[in-house]
Amino acid sequence: MTTTAFSALHLKPPMLKNLASLGYSAMTPIQAHTLPLILAGKDVIAKAKTGSGKTAAFGIGLLTGMDVGTLRVQALVLCPTRELADQVAKELRRLARFTDNVKVLTLCGGVPFGPQRVSMEHGAHIVVGTPGRLLDHLRRGSLDLSALRTLVLDEADRMLDMGFQDEISALIDAAPQKRQTLLFSATYPEEIAAMSAAIQRDPVEVSIDEGHDEGVIQQLLFEVDGSQRSEAVARIIGHYRPESTLVFCNTRKECQDVADDLVRRGFLALAIHGDLEQRERDQVLVRFANRSVSVLVATDVAARGLDIKELAAVINYELSRDPEIHIHRIGRTGRAGEQGLAFSLVTAHETRRVKAIEDELGYSIPRWDLESLAAVDGKPKPLVPAMVTLCIDGGRKNKLRPGDVLGALTSEGAVAGSEVGKIDVFDFHTYLAVMHSSAETALACLARNKIKGRFFKVRMIS
């Protein structure tokens, strides 16, 4: 039987103390199976879904073997998207709180190169980034991998899907051959096996079962005509009224079309896909995560890196061609003991896809009649999110922290701390969620109060 106590791993006391303070009482299955191997210096190839605790698994391993006295890049984490890279770096910094002077840098595209180069000149122990930007730094001489001890490929299947094979190969060629390589993937296609064979030494394979308990996620199939899909999405959301819904489409164009159609029907919906500028992507993700937008429409690639802990529902606008991807999609709901909803729209011509998914799941998915869903006044009743997002024109580069914003907002007593939701600080902007009923008061309060000794422009995003 695999032990689940972190204390059984003989970690340093500061790390154990930090894990306890973070509420990590016991290891998740992926941590229990991979951490002993990682700490022993083994190469690992692990199959695990998003939200399984894999970041902490490799993060604890990286930090335990870190030589803090040597300010050189000792660990490199490759991620498919900036959003996932930011999420991973944030978790690594949390894990390193009680480890003195560990420096974690994020290098991703979509932001200016110059400031990143300056940051690299000051040194780093761990670098997290996307393949394209990392390769830019490598070729321009601002990233030196000669002291690298551990290479991590997170969400490797998505990086291959996004066409990063050449960039990954170039980065690996620049890394020392004597290193530890950790490969994490939600699915395990043939390309992943080939990659592992090329870059790892006698890797230990770990696979965590991604099956879902029917009692945790309620799945339903709705048979529709192809032209009915957008109407069906609106009807499902209007009937079940989930607080947050992630709609999966197979193409970028479908994403935007579905989101636009939902907006026309009165829903507050946004799309995320590769055609968006980085700042637009940041805003979309922030607004969905902080509950000021109730519907997000995304492709599988664009949805990677989403850190949504309590997603109420998933809707498959169209079934994925890969049963494993379908299971990965629906696995985003029904977490932390909550009941999740997963709805799929299918046409009469998609019986083979349905059969393949049901074979993978090991059970049949109930069929439901779309016409049985009650409509209000002949059409779905739109949802009004509880939160609104405010944007402050200042961020990390202005030394702003969430506590500074919260202090300025609540100092007069006009807005209660309980009315304030998530606060996200970026380099030049800060986004905060406030209850709908307090939005105007919060906007006025921040406009007339200084934050960190100066005034910042504040606006409401709609």
Protein backbone atom coordinates (compact mmCIF):
# COMPACT_ATOMS: atom_id res chain seq x y z
CA MET A 1 0.00 0.00 0.00
CA THR A 2 1.36 3.43 -1.01
CA THR A 3 1.82 5.79 1.93
CA THR A 4 0.14 9.21 1.69
CA ALA A 5 1.93 11.07 4.49
CA PHE A 6 4.44 13.70 3.33
CA SER A 7 6.48 13.01 6.47
CA ALA A 8 7.28 9.53 5.12
CA LEU A 9 9.37 11.12 2.34
CA HIS A 10 12.04 12.44 4.74
CA LEU A 11 11.63 16.00 3.47
CA LYS A 12 13.41 18.86 5.22
CA PRO A 13 11.52 20.29 8.24
CA PRO A 14 10.94 23.72 6.58
CA MET A 15 9.28 22.02 3.60
CA LEU A 16 7.07 19.84 5.84
CA LYS A 17 6.11 22.92 7.85
CA ASN A 18 5.23 24.82 4.69
CA LEU A 19 3.17 21.94 3.29
CA ALA A 20 1.21 21.81 6.56
CA SER A 21 0.61 25.58 6.42
CA LEU A 22 -0.69 25.23 2.85
CA GLY A 23 -3.19 22.60 3.98
CA TYR A 24 -1.41 19.70 2.27
CA SER A 25 -2.39 17.07 4.82
CA ALA A 26 -1.80 14.03 2.61
CA MET A 27 -0.47 13.23 -0.84
CA THR A 28 -2.78 12.88 -3.81
CA PRO A 29 -2.43 9.63 -5.81
CA ILE A 30 -0.11 11.21 -8.41
CA GLN A 31 2.08 12.64 -5.63
CA ALA A 32 2.20 9.38 -3.70
CA HIS A 33 3.27 7.45 -6.81
CA THR A 34 5.72 9.91 -8.36
CA LEU A 35 7.35 11.83 -5.49
CA PRO A 36 9.44 8.92 -4.12
CA LEU A 37 10.69 8.30 -7.67
CA ILE A 38 11.43 11.99 -8.31
CA LEU A 39 13.28 12.35 -5.00
CA ALA A 40 15.33 9.26 -5.90
CA GLY A 41 16.45 10.99 -9.11
CA LYS A 42 14.51 8.72 -11.49
CA ASP A 43 13.14 9.83 -14.84
CA VAL A 44 9.33 9.65 -14.71
CA ILE A 45 6.59 9.64 -17.34
CA ALA A 46 3.24 10.24 -15.65
CA LYS A 47 -0.28 10.29 -16.97
CA ALA A 48 -2.50 12.48 -14.81
CA LYS A 49 -5.36 14.91 -15.34
CA THR A 50 -5.41 18.63 -14.53
CA GLY A 51 -6.11 19.21 -10.84
CA SER A 52 -4.45 15.98 -9.72
CA GLY A 53 -1.64 17.72 -7.79
CA LYS A 54 1.11 17.07 -10.31
CA THR A 55 2.63 20.57 -9.96
CA ALA A 56 3.30 19.97 -6.27
CA ALA A 57 4.69 16.52 -7.14
CA PHE A 58 7.46 17.83 -9.38
CA GLY A 59 7.72 21.12 -7.44
CA ILE A 60 8.62 19.45 -4.16
CA GLY A 61 11.16 17.35 -6.04
CA LEU A 62 12.78 20.39 -7.70
CA LEU A 63 13.02 22.36 -4.48
CA THR A 64 14.36 19.44 -2.42
CA GLY A 65 17.33 18.98 -4.74
CA MET A 66 18.00 22.72 -5.22
CA ASP A 67 21.42 24.21 -4.49
CA VAL A 68 20.22 27.63 -3.34
CA GLY A 69 23.80 28.91 -3.04
CA THR A 70 24.29 28.56 -6.80
CA LEU A 71 22.24 31.18 -8.67
CA ARG A 72 22.07 29.34 -11.99
CA VAL A 73 19.16 27.68 -13.78
CA GLN A 74 18.92 24.24 -12.18
CA ALA A 75 15.33 23.40 -13.20
CA LEU A 76 13.39 24.17 -16.38
CA VAL A 77 9.61 23.64 -16.64
CA LEU A 78 8.07 23.70 -20.14
CA CYS A 79 4.34 24.51 -20.41
CA PRO A 80 2.08 24.83 -23.49
CA THR A 81 0.49 28.15 -22.53
CA ARG A 82 1.33 31.30 -20.59
CA GLU A 83 -1.67 30.71 -18.33
CA LEU A 84 -0.39 27.31 -17.25
CA ALA A 85 3.16 28.66 -16.85
CA ASP A 86 1.89 31.45 -14.57
CA GLN A 87 -0.11 28.92 -12.56
CA VAL A 88 2.89 26.59 -12.18
CA ALA A 89 5.25 29.43 -11.19
CA LYS A 90 2.76 30.66 -8.61
CA GLU A 91 2.53 27.19 -7.04
CA LEU A 92 6.33 26.79 -7.03
CA ARG A 93 6.70 30.10 -5.18
CA ARG A 94 4.16 28.94 -2.61
CA LEU A 95 6.04 25.68 -2.13
CA ALA A 96 9.31 27.61 -1.75
CA ARG A 97 8.11 30.02 0.93
CA PHE A 98 10.20 28.48 3.71
CA THR A 99 13.20 27.81 1.47
CA ASP A 100 15.56 30.80 1.58
CA ASN A 101 16.20 32.86 -1.55
CA VAL A 102 14.79 30.56 -4.22
CA LYS A 103 14.24 32.60 -7.37
CA VAL A 104 11.56 31.48 -9.85
CA LEU A 105 11.22 33.30 -13.20
CA THR A 106 8.51 33.00 -15.86
CA LEU A 107 9.50 33.39 -19.53
CA CYS A 108 6.52 33.42 -21.90
CA GLY A 109 5.55 35.07 -25.14
CA GLY A 110 2.98 37.84 -25.43
CA VAL A 111 5.02 40.23 -23.25
CA PRO A 112 8.14 42.35 -24.03
CA PHE A 113 11.43 40.46 -24.30
CA GLY A 114 13.66 43.16 -22.80
CA PRO A 115 12.47 43.11 -19.18
CA GLN A 116 12.72 39.30 -19.20
CA ARG A 117 16.33 39.50 -20.38
CA VAL A 118 17.15 41.96 -17.57
CA SER A 119 15.55 39.62 -15.02
CA MET A 120 17.61 36.71 -16.36
CA GLU A 121 20.81 38.76 -15.99
CA HIS A 122 20.15 38.78 -12.23
CA GLY A 123 19.97 34.96 -12.22
CA ALA A 124 17.33 32.33 -11.40
CA HIS A 125 17.14 28.86 -9.88
CA ILE A 126 13.95 27.74 -11.65
CA VAL A 127 12.62 28.94 -15.00
CA VAL A 128 9.05 28.22 -16.12
CA GLY A 129 7.99 29.10 -19.65
CA THR A 130 6.57 28.34 -23.06
CA PRO A 131 8.81 26.63 -25.65
CA GLY A 132 8.89 29.45 -28.19
CA ARG A 133 9.97 32.20 -25.81
CA LEU A 134 12.41 29.91 -23.98
CA LEU A 135 14.08 29.11 -27.30
CA ASP A 136 14.31 32.85 -28.07
CA HIS A 137 16.18 33.40 -24.79
CA LEU A 138 18.42 30.42 -25.48
CA ARG A 139 19.38 31.67 -28.95
CA ARG A 140 19.99 35.23 -27.74
CA GLY A 141 22.22 34.00 -24.94
CA SER A 142 20.05 35.10 -22.00
CA LEU A 143 19.17 31.51 -21.00
CA ASP A 144 22.02 29.21 -20.00
CA LEU A 145 21.11 25.56 -19.40
CA SER A 146 24.61 24.24 -18.68
CA ALA A 147 23.83 23.83 -14.94
CA LEU A 148 20.41 22.24 -15.52
CA ARG A 149 19.62 19.30 -13.23
CA THR A 150 15.92 18.70 -13.88
CA LEU A 151 13.79 19.20 -16.99
CA VAL A 152 9.98 19.05 -16.66
CA LEU A 153 7.56 18.83 -19.58
CA ASP A 154 4.12 19.68 -18.22
CA GLU A 155 1.06 18.89 -20.36
CA ALA A 156 3.40 17.39 -22.97
CA ASP A 157 0.54 16.15 -25.14
CA ARG A 158 -0.78 19.70 -25.56
CA MET A 159 2.67 21.02 -26.46
CA LEU A 160 2.85 18.46 -29.25
CA ASP A 161 -0.71 19.31 -30.35
CA MET A 162 0.28 22.97 -30.58
CA GLY A 163 3.27 22.20 -32.81
CA PHE A 164 6.11 22.79 -30.33
CA GLN A 165 8.07 19.65 -31.26
CA ASP A 166 10.97 21.54 -32.91
CA GLU A 167 11.29 24.08 -30.09
CA ILE A 168 11.27 21.33 -27.46
CA SER A 169 13.93 19.38 -29.35
CA ALA A 170 16.17 22.46 -29.62
CA LEU A 171 15.85 23.18 -25.90
CA ILE A 172 16.64 19.56 -25.00
CA ASP A 173 19.68 19.58 -27.28
CA ALA A 174 21.02 22.55 -25.28
CA ALA A 175 20.49 20.81 -21.91
CA PRO A 176 23.09 18.54 -20.27
CA GLN A 177 22.64 14.86 -21.12
CA LYS A 178 23.12 14.00 -17.47
CA ARG A 179 19.87 15.31 -16.02
CA GLN A 180 16.53 14.18 -14.63
CA THR A 181 13.60 14.42 -17.06
CA LEU A 182 10.00 14.41 -15.85
CA LEU A 183 7.21 14.14 -18.42
CA PHE A 184 3.58 14.77 -17.44
CA SER A 185 0.70 14.27 -19.85
CA ALA A 186 -3.09 14.07 -19.56
CA THR A 187 -3.24 11.57 -22.42
CA TYR A 188 -0.73 9.04 -23.70
CA PRO A 189 -0.70 8.98 -27.53
CA GLU A 190 2.05 7.28 -29.52
CA GLU A 191 3.87 10.61 -29.93
CA ILE A 192 4.38 10.82 -26.16
CA ALA A 193 5.89 7.34 -26.06
CA ALA A 194 8.24 8.33 -28.89
CA MET A 195 9.22 11.55 -27.11
CA SER A 196 9.91 9.68 -23.88
CA ALA A 197 12.12 7.18 -25.67
CA ALA A 198 14.13 10.02 -27.21
CA ILE A 199 14.69 12.20 -24.13
CA GLN A 200 14.44 9.98 -21.03
CA ARG A 201 16.67 7.31 -19.46
CA ASP A 202 14.87 4.20 -18.18
CA PRO A 203 11.78 6.17 -17.17
CA VAL A 204 9.33 4.77 -14.64
CA GLU A 205 5.79 4.97 -15.99
CA VAL A 206 3.00 6.08 -13.68
CA SER A 207 -0.65 6.13 -14.76
CA ILE A 208 -3.41 7.43 -12.52
CA ASP A 209 -6.90 6.22 -13.42
CA GLU A 210 -8.89 9.05 -14.99
CA GLY A 211 -12.24 7.34 -14.72
CA HIS A 212 -15.02 9.40 -13.17
CA ASP A 213 -17.59 8.34 -10.61
CA GLU A 214 -21.08 8.60 -12.12
CA GLY A 215 -22.26 9.91 -8.74
CA VAL A 216 -19.86 12.88 -8.92
CA ILE A 217 -20.38 13.90 -12.56
CA GLN A 218 -23.86 13.65 -14.06
CA GLN A 219 -23.50 13.11 -17.80
CA LEU A 220 -26.30 13.54 -20.34
CA LEU A 221 -26.42 13.31 -24.14
CA PHE A 222 -28.77 15.53 -26.14
CA GLU A 223 -29.38 14.52 -29.76
CA VAL A 224 -29.71 17.60 -31.98
CA ASP A 225 -29.58 18.64 -35.61
CA GLY A 226 -26.36 20.39 -36.56
CA SER A 227 -28.15 23.74 -36.88
CA GLN A 228 -29.61 23.45 -33.36
CA ARG A 229 -26.35 23.35 -31.40
CA SER A 230 -26.18 27.02 -30.33
CA GLU A 231 -29.84 27.05 -29.36
CA ALA A 232 -29.32 23.83 -27.40
CA VAL A 233 -26.39 25.33 -25.45
CA ALA A 234 -28.52 28.33 -24.46
CA ARG A 235 -31.43 26.13 -23.48
CA ILE A 236 -29.29 23.84 -21.32
CA ILE A 237 -27.68 26.77 -19.48
CA GLY A 238 -31.02 28.50 -19.07
CA HIS A 239 -32.60 25.36 -17.62
CA TYR A 240 -29.85 24.12 -15.27
CA ARG A 241 -28.53 27.62 -14.47
CA PRO A 242 -24.97 26.58 -13.48
CA GLU A 243 -22.92 29.36 -11.90
CA SER A 244 -20.03 28.64 -14.27
CA THR A 245 -20.07 26.77 -17.58
CA LEU A 246 -17.19 25.81 -19.87
CA VAL A 247 -18.33 25.11 -23.44
CA PHE A 248 -15.90 23.10 -25.57
CA CYS A 249 -15.73 23.60 -29.35
CA ASN A 250 -13.38 21.92 -31.81
CA THR A 251 -12.41 25.05 -33.79
CA ARG A 252 -11.56 28.70 -33.09
CA LYS A 253 -14.36 29.92 -35.40
CA GLU A 254 -16.96 27.82 -33.58
CA CYS A 255 -15.78 29.30 -30.27
CA GLN A 256 -16.36 32.88 -31.34
CA ASP A 257 -19.64 32.09 -33.15
CA VAL A 258 -21.10 30.28 -30.11
CA ALA A 259 -20.03 33.03 -27.70
CA ASP A 260 -21.48 35.73 -29.99
CA ASP A 261 -24.75 33.80 -30.27
CA LEU A 262 -25.03 33.43 -26.49
CA VAL A 263 -24.43 37.18 -26.06
CA ARG A 264 -27.20 37.91 -28.58
CA ARG A 265 -29.48 35.73 -26.47
CA GLY A 266 -28.69 37.78 -23.37
CA PHE A 267 -26.02 35.64 -21.71
CA LEU A 268 -22.71 37.05 -20.49
CA ALA A 269 -20.31 34.81 -22.41
CA LEU A 270 -16.72 35.10 -23.63
CA ALA A 271 -14.58 33.08 -26.04
CA ILE A 272 -10.91 32.16 -25.68
CA HIS A 273 -8.85 31.02 -28.65
CA GLY A 274 -5.56 31.59 -30.39
CA ASP A 275 -6.65 34.75 -32.24
CA LEU A 276 -6.80 36.82 -29.05
CA GLU A 277 -4.01 39.16 -27.97
CA GLN A 278 -2.31 38.15 -24.71
CA ARG A 279 -3.92 40.93 -22.67
CA GLU A 280 -7.36 39.95 -24.02
CA ARG A 281 -6.69 36.33 -23.02
CA ASP A 282 -5.68 37.45 -19.53
CA GLN A 283 -8.88 39.45 -19.13
CA VAL A 284 -11.09 36.61 -20.36
CA LEU A 285 -9.53 34.07 -18.01
CA VAL A 286 -9.59 36.44 -15.04
CA ARG A 287 -13.26 37.31 -15.53
CA PHE A 288 -14.32 33.68 -15.83
CA ALA A 289 -12.22 32.54 -12.86
CA ASN A 290 -13.49 35.35 -10.61
CA ARG A 291 -17.15 34.61 -11.46
CA SER A 292 -17.95 37.89 -13.23
CA VAL A 293 -18.63 35.95 -16.45
CA SER A 294 -20.69 32.79 -16.25
CA VAL A 295 -19.91 31.14 -19.63
CA LEU A 296 -16.55 30.56 -21.30
CA VAL A 297 -16.33 29.02 -24.78
CA ALA A 298 -12.97 27.43 -25.57
CA THR A 299 -11.02 24.94 -27.64
CA ASP A 300 -9.13 22.14 -25.86
CA VAL A 301 -5.78 23.87 -26.42
CA ALA A 302 -6.99 27.27 -25.19
CA ALA A 303 -8.56 25.73 -22.08
CA ARG A 304 -5.24 24.27 -20.91
CA GLY A 305 -3.95 26.06 -17.85
CA LEU A 306 -7.40 27.12 -16.66
CA ASP A 307 -7.31 27.11 -12.87
CA ILE A 308 -11.04 26.87 -12.10
CA LYS A 309 -11.49 24.94 -8.88
CA GLU A 310 -15.30 24.80 -8.80
CA LEU A 311 -16.59 24.49 -12.36
CA ALA A 312 -20.31 23.73 -12.23
CA ALA A 313 -20.86 22.44 -15.78
CA VAL A 314 -19.14 21.39 -18.99
CA ILE A 315 -20.92 21.37 -22.35
CA ASN A 316 -19.48 19.63 -25.39
CA TYR A 317 -20.78 21.69 -28.31
CA GLU A 318 -19.37 18.90 -30.43
CA LEU A 319 -17.87 15.60 -29.28
CA SER A 320 -14.11 15.25 -29.36
CA ARG A 321 -12.74 12.71 -31.79
CA ASP A 322 -10.56 11.31 -28.99
CA PRO A 323 -12.36 9.55 -26.09
CA GLU A 324 -9.49 10.44 -23.73
CA ILE A 325 -9.95 14.13 -24.52
CA HIS A 326 -13.67 13.78 -23.73
CA ILE A 327 -12.86 12.31 -20.32
CA HIS A 328 -10.32 15.06 -19.72
CA ARG A 329 -12.93 17.70 -20.61
CA ILE A 330 -15.63 16.43 -18.27
CA GLY A 331 -13.05 15.90 -15.53
CA ARG A 332 -12.90 19.67 -15.08
CA THR A 333 -16.23 19.56 -13.25
CA GLY A 334 -17.29 17.51 -10.22
CA ARG A 335 -14.15 18.21 -8.18
CA ALA A 336 -13.55 18.66 -4.46
CA GLY A 337 -16.59 16.53 -3.61
CA GLU A 338 -18.99 18.73 -5.59
CA GLN A 339 -21.63 17.44 -8.00
CA GLY A 340 -20.69 18.23 -11.61
CA LEU A 341 -22.75 18.42 -14.80
CA ALA A 342 -21.46 17.32 -18.21
CA PHE A 343 -23.66 17.69 -21.28
CA SER A 344 -22.83 16.62 -24.83
CA LEU A 345 -24.61 17.57 -28.04
CA VAL A 346 -24.62 14.80 -30.66
CA THR A 347 -26.13 14.29 -34.07
CA ALA A 348 -27.54 11.04 -35.38
CA HIS A 349 -24.31 10.56 -37.38
CA GLU A 350 -22.04 10.52 -34.31
CA THR A 351 -22.99 7.13 -32.87
CA ARG A 352 -19.45 5.79 -33.38
CA ARG A 353 -17.94 8.60 -31.34
CA VAL A 354 -20.49 8.03 -28.58
CA LYS A 355 -19.76 4.30 -28.56
CA ALA A 356 -15.99 4.92 -28.34
CA ILE A 357 -16.47 7.29 -25.39
CA GLU A 358 -18.80 4.90 -23.59
CA ASP A 359 -16.32 2.05 -24.10
CA GLU A 360 -13.58 4.22 -22.58
CA LEU A 361 -15.81 5.20 -19.64
CA GLY A 362 -17.08 1.68 -19.06
CA TYR A 363 -20.74 2.70 -18.89
CA SER A 364 -23.53 4.11 -21.05
CA ILE A 365 -24.33 7.84 -20.97
CA PRO A 366 -28.07 8.57 -20.52
CA ARG A 367 -29.87 10.22 -23.46
CA TRP A 368 -32.16 13.15 -22.77
CA ASP A 369 -34.76 15.01 -24.84
CA LEU A 370 -33.89 18.66 -25.33
CA GLU A 371 -37.59 19.53 -25.58
CA SER A 372 -38.10 18.29 -22.02
CA LEU A 373 -36.05 21.20 -20.66
CA ALA A 374 -38.31 23.97 -19.48
CA ALA A 375 -37.95 27.31 -21.23
CA VAL A 376 -38.95 30.61 -19.63
CA ASP A 377 -41.40 32.64 -21.79
CA GLY A 378 -40.42 30.54 -24.76
CA LYS A 379 -36.68 31.25 -24.42
CA PRO A 380 -33.93 30.59 -21.86
CA LYS A 381 -33.61 33.10 -19.03
CA PRO A 382 -30.07 34.56 -19.03
CA LEU A 383 -27.88 34.34 -15.96
CA VAL A 384 -26.56 37.46 -14.24
CA PRO A 385 -23.15 36.74 -12.61
CA ALA A 386 -22.84 37.72 -8.96
CA MET A 387 -19.49 39.48 -9.50
CA VAL A 388 -18.19 42.39 -11.59
CA THR A 389 -14.54 42.93 -12.57
CA LEU A 390 -12.73 46.23 -11.97
CA CYS A 391 -9.40 46.96 -13.68
CA ILE A 392 -6.70 49.10 -12.05
CA ASP A 393 -4.01 50.54 -14.35
CA GLY A 394 -1.16 49.40 -12.10
CA GLY A 395 0.40 46.08 -11.17
CA ARG A 396 3.55 44.28 -10.05
CA LYS A 397 5.81 46.83 -11.74
CA ASN A 398 4.16 49.48 -9.52
CA LYS A 399 4.80 47.26 -6.45
CA LEU A 400 1.06 46.61 -6.02
CA ARG A 401 -0.04 43.59 -4.01
CA PRO A 402 -3.54 42.18 -3.39
CA GLY A 403 -3.40 43.40 0.22
CA ASP A 404 -2.76 46.99 -0.93
CA VAL A 405 -5.86 46.94 -3.13
CA LEU A 406 -8.02 45.31 -0.48
CA GLY A 407 -6.85 47.85 2.09
CA ALA A 408 -7.71 50.84 -0.11
CA LEU A 409 -11.10 49.33 -0.91
CA THR A 410 -12.17 48.55 2.65
CA SER A 411 -10.45 51.31 4.66
CA GLU A 412 -13.51 53.60 4.68
CA GLY A 413 -15.92 50.80 5.52
CA ALA A 414 -17.89 51.51 2.34
CA VAL A 415 -17.15 48.03 0.96
CA ALA A 416 -16.91 44.98 3.21
CA GLY A 417 -14.10 42.48 2.68
CA SER A 418 -16.75 39.79 2.18
CA GLU A 419 -17.96 41.70 -0.91
CA VAL A 420 -14.55 41.39 -2.57
CA GLY A 421 -13.63 38.34 -4.61
CA LYS A 422 -10.47 37.28 -6.39
CA ILE A 423 -7.66 39.84 -6.92
CA ASP A 424 -5.26 39.11 -9.81
CA VAL A 425 -2.10 41.22 -10.10
CA PHE A 426 -0.28 41.31 -13.46
CA ASP A 427 2.78 43.36 -14.42
CA PHE A 428 0.88 46.51 -15.41
CA HIS A 429 -2.75 45.82 -14.47
CA THR A 430 -4.70 44.51 -11.49
CA TYR A 431 -8.13 42.90 -11.76
CA LEU A 432 -10.46 42.49 -8.81
CA ALA A 433 -13.92 41.00 -8.52
CA VAL A 434 -16.56 42.69 -6.37
CA MET A 435 -20.18 41.81 -5.75
CA HIS A 436 -22.56 43.28 -8.33
CA SER A 437 -24.36 45.28 -5.63
CA SER A 438 -21.11 46.95 -4.50
CA ALA A 439 -19.49 47.57 -7.89
CA GLU A 440 -20.29 51.28 -8.22
CA THR A 441 -19.31 51.96 -4.59
CA ALA A 442 -16.02 50.11 -5.04
CA LEU A 443 -15.26 51.99 -8.27
CA ALA A 444 -15.82 55.36 -6.59
CA CYS A 445 -13.83 54.32 -3.52
CA LEU A 446 -10.76 53.30 -5.53
CA ALA A 447 -10.98 56.41 -7.72
CA ARG A 448 -10.72 58.76 -4.72
CA ASN A 449 -8.26 56.77 -2.59
CA LYS A 450 -4.53 56.32 -3.11
CA ILE A 451 -2.99 52.89 -3.36
CA LYS A 452 0.66 52.69 -2.32
CA GLY A 453 0.75 56.50 -2.07
CA ARG A 454 -0.56 57.31 -5.55
CA PHE A 455 -3.75 57.43 -7.57
CA PHE A 456 -4.45 54.85 -10.28
CA LYS A 457 -7.06 54.88 -13.04
CA VAL A 458 -9.83 52.37 -12.34
CA ARG A 459 -12.57 51.19 -14.68
CA MET A 460 -15.27 48.57 -14.82
CA ILE A 461 -14.93 45.86 -17.46
CA SER A 462 -18.10 44.87 -19.25
